[in-house]
C-alpha atoms as a PDB file:
ATOM      1  CA  MET A   1     167.721 -15.356 338.612  1.00  0.00           C
ATOM      2  CA  ILE A   2     165.568 -17.220 336.079  1.00  0.00           C
ATOM      3  CA  GLU A   3     167.150 -15.375 333.155  1.00  0.00           C
ATOM      4  CA  TRP A   4     170.624 -16.572 334.189  1.00  0.00           C
ATOM      5  CA  ILE A   5     169.394 -20.153 334.505  1.00  0.00           C
ATOM      6  CA  ILE A   6     168.023 -19.835 330.957  1.00  0.00           C
ATOM      7  CA  ILE A   7     171.316 -18.393 329.696  1.00  0.00           C
ATOM      8  CA  VAL A   8     173.384 -21.157 331.329  1.00  0.00           C
ATOM      9  CA  ALA A   9     171.062 -23.876 330.013  1.00  0.00           C
ATOM     10  CA  ALA A  10     171.050 -22.364 326.514  1.00  0.00           C
ATOM     11  CA  GLY A  11     174.840 -22.099 326.476  1.00  0.00           C
ATOM     12  CA  PHE A  12     175.260 -25.679 327.670  1.00  0.00           C
ATOM     13  CA  PHE A  13     172.804 -27.254 325.228  1.00  0.00           C
ATOM     14  CA  GLY A  14     173.868 -24.947 322.394  1.00  0.00           C
ATOM     15  CA  GLY A  15     177.501 -25.922 322.897  1.00  0.00           C
ATOM     16  CA  ALA A  16     176.563 -29.600 323.063  1.00  0.00           C
ATOM     17  CA  LEU A  17     174.567 -29.402 319.838  1.00  0.00           C
ATOM     18  CA  ASN A  18     177.381 -27.600 318.036  1.00  0.00           C
ATOM     19  CA  ALA A  19     179.809 -30.305 319.133  1.00  0.00           C
ATOM     20  CA  VAL A  20     177.775 -33.183 317.737  1.00  0.00           C
ATOM     21  CA  ALA A  21     175.751 -31.763 314.848  1.00  0.00           C
ATOM     22  CA  GLY A  22     175.486 -27.964 314.799  1.00  0.00           C
ATOM     23  CA  GLY A  23     172.458 -25.736 315.297  1.00  0.00           C
ATOM     24  CA  GLY A  24     173.360 -24.311 318.697  1.00  0.00           C
ATOM     25  CA  SER A  25     172.316 -20.820 317.608  1.00  0.00           C
ATOM     26  CA  PHE A  26     168.716 -22.009 317.396  1.00  0.00           C
ATOM     27  CA  ILE A  27     168.806 -22.232 321.202  1.00  0.00           C
ATOM     28  CA  THR A  28     171.150 -19.417 322.266  1.00  0.00           C
ATOM     29  CA  LEU A  29     169.492 -16.618 320.244  1.00  0.00           C
ATOM     30  CA  PRO A  30     165.903 -17.137 321.480  1.00  0.00           C
ATOM     31  CA  ALA A  31     167.174 -17.670 325.047  1.00  0.00           C
ATOM     32  CA  LEU A  32     169.028 -14.343 325.055  1.00  0.00           C
ATOM     33  CA  ILE A  33     166.022 -12.523 323.625  1.00  0.00           C
ATOM     34  CA  PHE A  34     163.744 -14.188 326.199  1.00  0.00           C
ATOM     35  CA  ALA A  35     166.161 -13.026 328.907  1.00  0.00           C
ATOM     36  CA  GLY A  36     165.591  -9.451 327.788  1.00  0.00           C
ATOM     37  CA  VAL A  37     168.607  -8.899 325.524  1.00  0.00           C
ATOM     38  CA  PRO A  38     167.733  -6.804 322.414  1.00  0.00           C
ATOM     39  CA  PRO A  39     167.652  -8.934 319.213  1.00  0.00           C
ATOM     40  CA  VAL A  40     170.716  -7.430 317.495  1.00  0.00           C
ATOM     41  CA  VAL A  41     172.751  -7.599 320.721  1.00  0.00           C
ATOM     42  CA  ALA A  42     171.513 -11.152 321.354  1.00  0.00           C
ATOM     43  CA  ASN A  43     172.672 -12.265 317.901  1.00  0.00           C
ATOM     44  CA  ALA A  44     176.081 -10.603 318.276  1.00  0.00           C
ATOM     45  CA  THR A  45     176.578 -11.963 321.806  1.00  0.00           C
ATOM     46  CA  GLY A  46     175.593 -15.497 320.821  1.00  0.00           C
ATOM     47  CA  THR A  47     177.949 -15.393 317.847  1.00  0.00           C
ATOM     48  CA  ALA A  48     180.820 -14.163 320.041  1.00  0.00           C
ATOM     49  CA  ALA A  49     180.158 -16.973 322.533  1.00  0.00           C
ATOM     50  CA  LEU A  50     180.533 -19.559 319.747  1.00  0.00           C
ATOM     51  CA  LEU A  51     183.893 -18.189 318.557  1.00  0.00           C
ATOM     52  CA  PRO A  52     186.114 -20.381 320.823  1.00  0.00           C
ATOM     53  CA  GLY A  53     184.403 -23.467 319.429  1.00  0.00           C
ATOM     54  CA  TYR A  54     185.020 -22.354 315.851  1.00  0.00           C
ATOM     55  CA  ILE A  55     188.703 -21.717 316.567  1.00  0.00           C
ATOM     56  CA  ALA A  56     189.126 -25.097 318.281  1.00  0.00           C
ATOM     57  CA  SER A  57     187.441 -26.866 315.353  1.00  0.00           C
ATOM     58  CA  ALA A  58     189.588 -25.017 312.832  1.00  0.00           C
ATOM     59  CA  TRP A  59     192.751 -26.076 314.688  1.00  0.00           C
ATOM     60  CA  ARG A  60     191.548 -29.690 314.870  1.00  0.00           C
ATOM     61  CA  PHE A  61     191.045 -29.860 311.076  1.00  0.00           C
ATOM     62  CA  ARG A  62     194.054 -27.733 310.107  1.00  0.00           C
ATOM     63  CA  HIS A  63     195.752 -30.606 308.257  1.00  0.00           C
ATOM     64  CA  ASP A  64     192.641 -31.607 306.309  1.00  0.00           C
ATOM     65  CA  ILE A  65     191.907 -28.411 304.413  1.00  0.00           C
ATOM     66  CA  GLU A  66     191.310 -28.556 300.648  1.00  0.00           C
ATOM     67  CA  PHE A  67     189.858 -25.450 299.064  1.00  0.00           C
ATOM     68  CA  PRO A  68     187.229 -25.598 296.291  1.00  0.00           C
ATOM     69  CA  ALA A  69     187.975 -24.738 292.654  1.00  0.00           C
ATOM     70  CA  GLY A  70     191.687 -24.404 293.356  1.00  0.00           C
ATOM     71  CA  ILE A  71     191.239 -21.256 295.465  1.00  0.00           C
ATOM     72  CA  LYS A  72     194.322 -20.297 297.462  1.00  0.00           C
ATOM     73  CA  TYR A  73     194.381 -20.061 301.267  1.00  0.00           C
ATOM     74  CA  SER A  74     195.099 -16.322 301.143  1.00  0.00           C
ATOM     75  CA  THR A  75     192.072 -15.781 298.904  1.00  0.00           C
ATOM     76  CA  ILE A  76     189.834 -17.776 301.251  1.00  0.00           C
ATOM     77  CA  MET A  77     191.076 -15.658 304.168  1.00  0.00           C
ATOM     78  CA  LEU A  78     190.292 -12.468 302.247  1.00  0.00           C
ATOM     79  CA  ILE A  79     186.807 -13.663 301.281  1.00  0.00           C
ATOM     80  CA  ALA A  80     186.021 -14.723 304.860  1.00  0.00           C
ATOM     81  CA  ILE A  81     187.309 -11.495 306.398  1.00  0.00           C
ATOM     82  CA  ILE A  82     185.590  -9.167 303.914  1.00  0.00           C
ATOM     83  CA  GLY A  83     182.350 -11.159 303.837  1.00  0.00           C
ATOM     84  CA  GLY A  84     182.200 -11.466 307.634  1.00  0.00           C
ATOM     85  CA  SER A  85     182.914  -7.738 307.998  1.00  0.00           C
ATOM     86  CA  VAL A  86     180.200  -6.780 305.509  1.00  0.00           C
ATOM     87  CA  GLY A  87     177.638  -8.986 307.247  1.00  0.00           C
ATOM     88  CA  ALA A  88     178.587  -7.640 310.686  1.00  0.00           C
ATOM     89  CA  VAL A  89     178.381  -4.018 309.519  1.00  0.00           C
ATOM     90  CA  ILE A  90     174.950  -4.686 307.990  1.00  0.00           C
ATOM     91  CA  LEU A  91     173.858  -6.061 311.376  1.00  0.00           C
ATOM     92  CA  LEU A  92     175.147  -2.958 313.172  1.00  0.00           C
ATOM     93  CA  PHE A  93     173.062  -0.734 310.914  1.00  0.00           C
ATOM     94  CA  SER A  94     169.967  -2.937 311.118  1.00  0.00           C
ATOM     95  CA  SER A  95     167.205  -1.637 313.336  1.00  0.00           C
ATOM     96  CA  GLU A  96     165.959  -3.869 316.145  1.00  0.00           C
ATOM     97  CA  GLN A  97     162.526  -3.976 314.484  1.00  0.00           C
ATOM     98  CA  LEU A  98     163.942  -5.050 311.107  1.00  0.00           C
ATOM     99  CA  PHE A  99     166.163  -7.738 312.602  1.00  0.00           C
ATOM    100  CA  LEU A 100     163.321  -9.025 314.781  1.00  0.00           C
ATOM    101  CA  MET A 101     161.158  -9.237 311.660  1.00  0.00           C
ATOM    102  CA  LEU A 102     163.884 -11.132 309.775  1.00  0.00           C
ATOM    103  CA  ILE A 103     164.695 -13.617 312.578  1.00  0.00           C
ATOM    104  CA  PRO A 104     161.939 -16.156 311.784  1.00  0.00           C
ATOM    105  CA  TRP A 105     162.819 -16.089 308.091  1.00  0.00           C
ATOM    106  CA  LEU A 106     166.526 -16.523 308.848  1.00  0.00           C
ATOM    107  CA  ILE A 107     165.851 -19.409 311.238  1.00  0.00           C
ATOM    108  CA  LEU A 108     163.489 -20.977 308.688  1.00  0.00           C
ATOM    109  CA  PHE A 109     166.163 -20.668 305.982  1.00  0.00           C
ATOM    110  CA  ALA A 110     168.865 -22.143 308.220  1.00  0.00           C
ATOM    111  CA  THR A 111     166.552 -24.961 309.341  1.00  0.00           C
ATOM    112  CA  THR A 112     165.645 -25.800 305.749  1.00  0.00           C
ATOM    113  CA  ILE A 113     169.295 -25.912 304.697  1.00  0.00           C
ATOM    114  CA  PHE A 114     170.109 -27.962 307.782  1.00  0.00           C
ATOM    115  CA  PHE A 115     167.412 -30.452 306.736  1.00  0.00           C
ATOM    116  CA  ILE A 116     168.246 -30.711 303.020  1.00  0.00           C
ATOM    117  CA  GLY A 117     171.988 -29.988 303.289  1.00  0.00           C
ATOM    118  CA  PRO A 118     173.131 -33.628 303.583  1.00  0.00           C
ATOM    119  CA  ARG A 119     171.064 -34.515 300.527  1.00  0.00           C
ATOM    120  CA  LEU A 120     172.613 -31.676 298.535  1.00  0.00           C
ATOM    121  CA  ILE A 121     176.088 -32.776 299.620  1.00  0.00           C
ATOM    122  CA  GLY A 122     175.270 -36.380 298.742  1.00  0.00           C
ATOM    123  CA  LYS A 123     174.114 -35.402 295.249  1.00  0.00           C
ATOM    124  CA  ALA A 124     177.210 -33.270 294.732  1.00  0.00           C
ATOM    125  CA  LYS A 125     179.439 -36.177 295.769  1.00  0.00           C
ATOM    126  CA  GLN A 126     177.820 -38.319 293.057  1.00  0.00           C
ATOM    127  CA  LEU A 127     178.804 -35.876 290.331  1.00  0.00           C
ATOM    128  CA  PRO A 128     181.789 -36.903 288.190  1.00  0.00           C
ATOM    129  CA  SER A 129     185.012 -35.316 289.381  1.00  0.00           C
ATOM    130  CA  GLN A 130     187.462 -33.771 286.925  1.00  0.00           C
ATOM    131  CA  ALA A 131     190.452 -34.866 288.958  1.00  0.00           C
ATOM    132  CA  THR A 132     191.493 -36.632 292.121  1.00  0.00           C
ATOM    133  CA  ASN A 133     192.061 -34.744 295.353  1.00  0.00           C
ATOM    134  CA  THR A 134     195.807 -35.126 295.027  1.00  0.00           C
ATOM    135  CA  ILE A 135     196.352 -33.905 291.468  1.00  0.00           C
ATOM    136  CA  PRO A 136     196.050 -30.136 290.977  1.00  0.00           C
ATOM    137  CA  VAL A 137     194.229 -29.003 287.857  1.00  0.00           C
ATOM    138  CA  GLN A 138     193.757 -25.672 286.169  1.00  0.00           C
ATOM    139  CA  ARG A 139     190.231 -24.543 286.989  1.00  0.00           C
ATOM    140  CA  PRO A 140     188.221 -22.436 284.520  1.00  0.00           C
ATOM    141  CA  HIS A 141     188.055 -18.774 285.440  1.00  0.00           C
ATOM    142  CA  SER A 142     184.240 -18.893 285.514  1.00  0.00           C
ATOM    143  CA  GLN A 143     184.305 -21.755 288.032  1.00  0.00           C
ATOM    144  CA  LYS A 144     186.562 -19.764 290.349  1.00  0.00           C
ATOM    145  CA  MET A 145     184.341 -16.711 290.046  1.00  0.00           C
ATOM    146  CA  ILE A 146     181.266 -18.756 290.975  1.00  0.00           C
ATOM    147  CA  ALA A 147     183.161 -20.145 293.993  1.00  0.00           C
ATOM    148  CA  PHE A 148     184.200 -16.604 295.008  1.00  0.00           C
ATOM    149  CA  ILE A 149     180.619 -15.323 294.827  1.00  0.00           C
ATOM    150  CA  VAL A 150     179.070 -18.296 296.649  1.00  0.00           C
ATOM    151  CA  LEU A 151     181.622 -18.231 299.473  1.00  0.00           C
ATOM    152  CA  PHE A 152     181.378 -14.448 299.795  1.00  0.00           C
ATOM    153  CA  LEU A 153     177.577 -14.548 300.114  1.00  0.00           C
ATOM    154  CA  VAL A 154     177.780 -17.329 302.709  1.00  0.00           C
ATOM    155  CA  CYS A 155     180.356 -15.301 304.666  1.00  0.00           C
ATOM    156  CA  VAL A 156     178.114 -12.217 304.553  1.00  0.00           C
ATOM    157  CA  TYR A 157     175.280 -14.374 305.900  1.00  0.00           C
ATOM    158  CA  GLY A 158     177.580 -15.706 308.634  1.00  0.00           C
ATOM    159  CA  GLY A 159     178.661 -12.223 309.664  1.00  0.00           C
ATOM    160  CA  TYR A 160     175.048 -11.073 309.797  1.00  0.00           C
ATOM    161  CA  PHE A 161     173.279 -14.024 311.428  1.00  0.00           C
ATOM    162  CA  ASN A 162     175.621 -17.040 311.848  1.00  0.00           C
ATOM    163  CA  GLY A 163     172.767 -19.458 312.542  1.00  0.00           C
ATOM    164  CA  GLY A 164     173.186 -22.720 310.651  1.00  0.00           C
ATOM    165  CA  LEU A 165     176.439 -21.447 309.161  1.00  0.00           C
ATOM    166  CA  GLY A 166     178.262 -24.787 309.286  1.00  0.00           C
ATOM    167  CA  ILE A 167     175.746 -26.811 307.306  1.00  0.00           C
ATOM    168  CA  ILE A 168     175.233 -23.949 304.831  1.00  0.00           C
ATOM    169  CA  LEU A 169     178.989 -23.881 304.196  1.00  0.00           C
ATOM    170  CA  LEU A 170     179.104 -27.673 303.767  1.00  0.00           C
ATOM    171  CA  ALA A 171     176.191 -27.571 301.336  1.00  0.00           C
ATOM    172  CA  ALA A 172     177.836 -24.763 299.353  1.00  0.00           C
ATOM    173  CA  LEU A 173     181.178 -26.579 299.194  1.00  0.00           C
ATOM    174  CA  GLY A 174     179.422 -29.739 298.039  1.00  0.00           C
ATOM    175  CA  LEU A 175     177.652 -27.870 295.257  1.00  0.00           C
ATOM    176  CA  LEU A 176     180.999 -26.344 294.244  1.00  0.00           C
ATOM    177  CA  GLY A 177     182.272 -29.864 293.540  1.00  0.00           C
ATOM    178  CA  GLN A 178     184.063 -30.943 296.702  1.00  0.00           C
ATOM    179  CA  THR A 179     183.539 -34.587 297.612  1.00  0.00           C
ATOM    180  CA  ASN A 180     185.923 -35.254 300.535  1.00  0.00           C
ATOM    181  CA  LEU A 181     183.832 -34.574 303.646  1.00  0.00           C
ATOM    182  CA  ILE A 182     186.885 -34.329 305.914  1.00  0.00           C
ATOM    183  CA  ALA A 183     188.454 -31.746 303.600  1.00  0.00           C
ATOM    184  CA  MET A 184     185.123 -29.919 303.411  1.00  0.00           C
ATOM    185  CA  ASN A 185     184.972 -29.809 307.207  1.00  0.00           C
ATOM    186  CA  GLY A 186     188.474 -28.336 307.211  1.00  0.00           C
ATOM    187  CA  VAL A 187     187.397 -25.508 304.911  1.00  0.00           C
ATOM    188  CA  LYS A 188     184.132 -25.027 306.809  1.00  0.00           C
ATOM    189  CA  ASN A 189     185.906 -24.646 310.147  1.00  0.00           C
ATOM    190  CA  ILE A 190     188.630 -22.268 308.989  1.00  0.00           C
ATOM    191  CA  VAL A 191     186.127 -20.071 307.120  1.00  0.00           C
ATOM    192  CA  SER A 192     183.735 -20.094 310.095  1.00  0.00           C
ATOM    193  CA  ALA A 193     186.527 -19.166 312.498  1.00  0.00           C
ATOM    194  CA  LEU A 194     187.841 -16.341 310.308  1.00  0.00           C
ATOM    195  CA  LEU A 195     184.523 -14.705 309.476  1.00  0.00           C
ATOM    196  CA  THR A 196     183.233 -15.071 313.039  1.00  0.00           C
ATOM    197  CA  ALA A 197     186.425 -13.590 314.496  1.00  0.00           C
ATOM    198  CA  ILE A 198     186.270 -10.496 312.286  1.00  0.00           C
ATOM    199  CA  ALA A 199     182.509 -10.194 312.858  1.00  0.00           C
ATOM    200  CA  VAL A 200     183.026 -10.267 316.632  1.00  0.00           C
ATOM    201  CA  VAL A 201     185.643  -7.493 316.309  1.00  0.00           C
ATOM    202  CA  VAL A 202     183.108  -5.392 314.389  1.00  0.00           C
ATOM    203  CA  TYR A 203     180.378  -6.189 316.937  1.00  0.00           C
ATOM    204  CA  ALA A 204     182.677  -5.179 319.807  1.00  0.00           C
ATOM    205  CA  ALA A 205     183.640  -1.940 318.061  1.00  0.00           C
ATOM    206  CA  GLY A 206     179.960  -1.219 317.535  1.00  0.00           C
ATOM    207  CA  GLY A 207     179.160  -1.891 321.202  1.00  0.00           C
ATOM    208  CA  VAL A 208     176.547  -4.583 320.509  1.00  0.00           C
ATOM    209  CA  ILE A 209     177.966  -7.370 322.678  1.00  0.00           C
ATOM    210  CA  ALA A 210     176.458  -7.857 326.139  1.00  0.00           C
ATOM    211  CA  SER A 211     179.639  -8.739 328.033  1.00  0.00           C
ATOM    212  CA  GLU A 212     177.854  -9.812 331.226  1.00  0.00           C
ATOM    213  CA  HIS A 213     175.891 -12.425 329.267  1.00  0.00           C
ATOM    214  CA  LEU A 214     178.804 -13.301 326.985  1.00  0.00           C
ATOM    215  CA  TRP A 215     181.073 -14.790 329.668  1.00  0.00           C
ATOM    216  CA  VAL A 216     178.331 -16.890 331.248  1.00  0.00           C
ATOM    217  CA  LEU A 217     177.159 -18.129 327.851  1.00  0.00           C
ATOM    218  CA  SER A 218     180.729 -18.869 326.697  1.00  0.00           C
ATOM    219  CA  VAL A 219     181.653 -20.903 329.788  1.00  0.00           C
ATOM    220  CA  ALA A 220     178.386 -22.847 329.595  1.00  0.00           C
ATOM    221  CA  ALA A 221     178.942 -23.476 325.855  1.00  0.00           C
ATOM    222  CA  ILE A 222     182.486 -24.754 326.463  1.00  0.00           C
ATOM    223  CA  VAL A 223     181.226 -27.174 329.142  1.00  0.00           C
ATOM    224  CA  GLY A 224     178.351 -28.232 326.894  1.00  0.00           C
ATOM    225  CA  GLY A 225     180.711 -28.694 323.964  1.00  0.00           C
ATOM    226  CA  TYR A 226     182.962 -30.943 326.036  1.00  0.00           C
ATOM    227  CA  VAL A 227     180.027 -33.046 327.234  1.00  0.00           C
ATOM    228  CA  GLY A 228     178.582 -33.157 323.734  1.00  0.00           C
ATOM    229  CA  ALA A 229     181.873 -34.291 322.234  1.00  0.00           C
ATOM    230  CA  THR A 230     182.125 -37.010 324.895  1.00  0.00           C
ATOM    231  CA  PHE A 231     178.753 -38.474 323.941  1.00  0.00           C
ATOM    232  CA  ALA A 232     178.942 -37.687 320.213  1.00  0.00           C
ATOM    233  CA  TYR A 233     179.547 -41.303 319.207  1.00  0.00           C
ATOM    234  CA  ARG A 234     176.778 -42.653 321.435  1.00  0.00           C
ATOM    235  CA  ILE A 235     173.975 -40.510 320.042  1.00  0.00           C
ATOM    236  CA  SER A 236     172.078 -41.236 316.847  1.00  0.00           C
ATOM    237  CA  GLN A 237     172.926 -38.518 314.330  1.00  0.00           C
ATOM    238  CA  ARG A 238     169.521 -38.996 312.691  1.00  0.00           C
ATOM    239  CA  ALA A 239     167.729 -38.444 315.994  1.00  0.00           C
ATOM    240  CA  LEU A 240     169.841 -35.345 316.652  1.00  0.00           C
ATOM    241  CA  ARG A 241     169.103 -33.889 313.236  1.00  0.00           C
ATOM    242  CA  ILE A 242     165.369 -34.481 313.726  1.00  0.00           C
ATOM    243  CA  PHE A 243     165.570 -32.790 317.135  1.00  0.00           C
ATOM    244  CA  ILE A 244     167.460 -29.765 315.756  1.00  0.00           C
ATOM    245  CA  VAL A 245     165.046 -29.375 312.835  1.00  0.00           C
ATOM    246  CA  ALA A 246     162.124 -29.611 315.289  1.00  0.00           C
ATOM    247  CA  VAL A 247     163.712 -26.908 317.466  1.00  0.00           C
ATOM    248  CA  GLY A 248     164.230 -24.738 314.371  1.00  0.00           C
ATOM    249  CA  ILE A 249     160.599 -25.145 313.326  1.00  0.00           C
ATOM    250  CA  LEU A 250     159.333 -24.357 316.836  1.00  0.00           C
ATOM    251  CA  MET A 251     161.570 -21.284 317.075  1.00  0.00           C
ATOM    252  CA  THR A 252     160.393 -20.131 313.631  1.00  0.00           C
ATOM    253  CA  LEU A 253     156.734 -20.488 314.624  1.00  0.00           C
ATOM    254  CA  GLY A 254     157.406 -18.805 317.955  1.00  0.00           C
ATOM    255  CA  PHE A 255     158.986 -15.745 316.347  1.00  0.00           C
ATOM    256  CA  PHE A 256     156.307 -15.560 313.643  1.00  0.00           C
ATOM    257  CA  LEU A 257     153.602 -15.547 316.314  1.00  0.00           C
ATOM    258  CA  THR A 258     155.238 -12.933 318.574  1.00  0.00           C
END
């Protein structure tokens, strides 16, 4: 009974955090593992539970998408699908012991990016732009290749772990020269939805999703996301970020000590 209370609470608070700032995986993954779900299955199940939120966010920002370095929509789709698939396949072939060993490092990495991400984006926005957002320019081939590689690596990470994916994508897009945060959110949401969708398909094919936990977690996350969105404008973003970073640090220490 206690494990289901933990799952419901984790889904609710994870969904709420994702709605207002991100970082819900920092709660759902440890909760599933604590409830007795194997680490790889817990990661795959938590990622699958977050998929509806990614799709809803992508639909909300569908008119605000501007891709970095002049990359076409079809290319972004291909990068997200291939990268998410590669990351998901790597997860399927990861042993429980290896993934459990990597978890604290992955959470530490995601927490660090979550903490410094806004500063990286802010610095990128201060860089001189070669053109306005409305005038297309011919991008150098090298710039496109760098964008391809960066986005592909982020998508592989998202397919493998998914924790902190949103802020990592925003930081990467900022460093690639994007300055319009709304447009960046559009790209972030569509890429997150695509790579997570294909990763979930791979997880399901590999039989690493705990369906009995998935539905409970998903419903709780949807309710939490709705409540979180309702109170999003009443909560200090700075306080939320501090709370999420604190949770990330505590989870990192907890996994290092276990």
